[in-house]
Amino acid sequence: MSINLKGKKVIIIGERDGVQGPAIAECMKSAGAEPLLVQTQRFV
C-alpha cells in the first residue's frame, strides 16, 4: 500500500520522549508534503 503525499499540507505533533516534530517533518518533506505546523509536546 502506498500513500501519495505530494502537495498535501500536514500538521505534525511529535513527542519529546519519542519521535520529535522536526524529525517527522523531514520525513514528510521527503515524501512531498508541506508541513504547516510542527510542534514537539510532552505527554504525561
N, C-alpha and C. Protein backbone atom coordinates (compact mmCIF):
# COMPACT_ATOMS: atom_id res chain seq x y z
N MET A 1 0.85 -1.17 0.00
CA MET A 1 0.00 0.00 0.00
C MET A 1 0.90 1.24 0.00
N SER A 2 0.56 2.21 -0.80
CA SER A 2 1.32 3.46 -0.80
C SER A 2 0.36 4.64 -0.69
N ILE A 3 0.84 5.69 -0.05
CA ILE A 3 0.04 6.90 0.13
C ILE A 3 0.76 8.04 -0.58
N ASN A 4 0.04 8.76 -1.40
CA ASN A 4 0.61 9.88 -2.14
C ASN A 4 0.49 11.15 -1.31
N LEU A 5 1.61 11.71 -0.87
CA LEU A 5 1.59 12.92 -0.06
C LEU A 5 2.01 14.17 -0.83
N LYS A 6 2.32 14.02 -2.10
CA LYS A 6 2.75 15.18 -2.89
C LYS A 6 1.69 16.27 -2.88
N GLY A 7 2.11 17.49 -2.46
CA GLY A 7 1.22 18.63 -2.46
C GLY A 7 0.26 18.69 -1.28
N LYS A 8 0.30 17.70 -0.40
CA LYS A 8 -0.59 17.71 0.77
C LYS A 8 0.01 18.59 1.87
N LYS A 9 -0.85 19.23 2.64
CA LYS A 9 -0.43 20.04 3.76
C LYS A 9 -0.65 19.23 5.03
N VAL A 10 0.35 19.23 5.93
CA VAL A 10 0.27 18.41 7.13
C VAL A 10 0.54 19.23 8.39
N ILE A 11 -0.07 18.82 9.48
CA ILE A 11 0.19 19.35 10.82
C ILE A 11 0.86 18.22 11.59
N ILE A 12 2.00 18.52 12.20
CA ILE A 12 2.80 17.49 12.83
C ILE A 12 2.93 17.78 14.32
N ILE A 13 2.59 16.79 15.14
CA ILE A 13 2.77 16.89 16.58
C ILE A 13 3.63 15.70 17.01
N GLY A 14 4.86 16.01 17.41
CA GLY A 14 5.77 14.97 17.86
C GLY A 14 5.76 14.88 19.38
N GLU A 15 6.48 13.91 19.90
CA GLU A 15 6.56 13.72 21.33
C GLU A 15 8.01 13.86 21.78
N ARG A 16 8.22 14.55 22.88
CA ARG A 16 9.57 14.83 23.36
C ARG A 16 10.35 13.56 23.65
N ASP A 17 9.73 12.58 24.26
CA ASP A 17 10.41 11.34 24.62
C ASP A 17 10.33 10.28 23.52
N GLY A 18 9.67 10.60 22.44
CA GLY A 18 9.53 9.67 21.31
C GLY A 18 10.13 10.29 20.07
N VAL A 19 9.38 10.28 19.00
CA VAL A 19 9.82 10.89 17.74
C VAL A 19 9.42 12.37 17.77
N GLN A 20 10.41 13.24 17.65
CA GLN A 20 10.16 14.67 17.75
C GLN A 20 9.65 15.24 16.44
N GLY A 21 8.93 16.36 16.55
CA GLY A 21 8.29 17.00 15.41
C GLY A 21 9.20 17.26 14.22
N PRO A 22 10.39 17.87 14.41
CA PRO A 22 11.26 18.15 13.27
C PRO A 22 11.68 16.89 12.49
N ALA A 23 11.85 15.78 13.19
CA ALA A 23 12.21 14.53 12.51
C ALA A 23 11.06 14.05 11.62
N ILE A 24 9.84 14.14 12.14
CA ILE A 24 8.67 13.76 11.35
C ILE A 24 8.52 14.69 10.16
N ALA A 25 8.77 15.99 10.39
CA ALA A 25 8.64 16.98 9.31
C ALA A 25 9.60 16.67 8.16
N GLU A 26 10.81 16.27 8.47
CA GLU A 26 11.77 15.93 7.41
C GLU A 26 11.29 14.73 6.60
N CYS A 27 10.71 13.76 7.26
CA CYS A 27 10.16 12.60 6.55
C CYS A 27 9.00 13.02 5.64
N MET A 28 8.14 13.88 6.15
CA MET A 28 7.01 14.35 5.35
C MET A 28 7.48 15.17 4.15
N LYS A 29 8.50 16.01 4.35
CA LYS A 29 9.04 16.81 3.24
C LYS A 29 9.61 15.90 2.15
N SER A 30 10.33 14.86 2.57
CA SER A 30 10.93 13.95 1.58
C SER A 30 9.86 13.16 0.82
N ALA A 31 8.66 13.04 1.43
CA ALA A 31 7.55 12.36 0.77
C ALA A 31 6.73 13.32 -0.10
N GLY A 32 7.08 14.62 -0.06
CA GLY A 32 6.40 15.58 -0.92
C GLY A 32 5.35 16.42 -0.22
N ALA A 33 5.17 16.24 1.08
CA ALA A 33 4.16 17.00 1.82
C ALA A 33 4.73 18.35 2.25
N GLU A 34 3.84 19.27 2.60
CA GLU A 34 4.24 20.60 3.07
C GLU A 34 3.80 20.77 4.52
N PRO A 35 4.75 20.74 5.47
CA PRO A 35 4.38 20.93 6.88
C PRO A 35 3.92 22.37 7.12
N LEU A 36 2.73 22.52 7.71
CA LEU A 36 2.20 23.84 8.04
C LEU A 36 2.51 24.21 9.49
N LEU A 37 2.49 23.23 10.36
CA LEU A 37 2.74 23.44 11.79
C LEU A 37 3.53 22.24 12.31
N VAL A 38 4.65 22.53 12.98
CA VAL A 38 5.48 21.46 13.54
C VAL A 38 5.70 21.79 15.02
N GLN A 39 5.28 20.87 15.90
CA GLN A 39 5.46 21.05 17.33
C GLN A 39 5.94 19.75 17.95
N THR A 40 6.67 19.91 19.07
CA THR A 40 7.04 18.77 19.89
C THR A 40 6.45 19.01 21.27
N GLN A 41 5.65 18.07 21.73
CA GLN A 41 4.97 18.20 23.02
C GLN A 41 5.45 17.11 23.97
N ARG A 42 5.16 17.31 25.23
CA ARG A 42 5.43 16.28 26.23
C ARG A 42 4.09 15.81 26.76
N PHE A 43 3.82 14.53 26.63
CA PHE A 43 2.57 13.94 27.09
C PHE A 43 2.83 13.16 28.36
N VAL A 44 2.10 13.47 29.40
CA VAL A 44 2.28 12.76 30.68
C VAL A 44 0.95 12.21 31.16
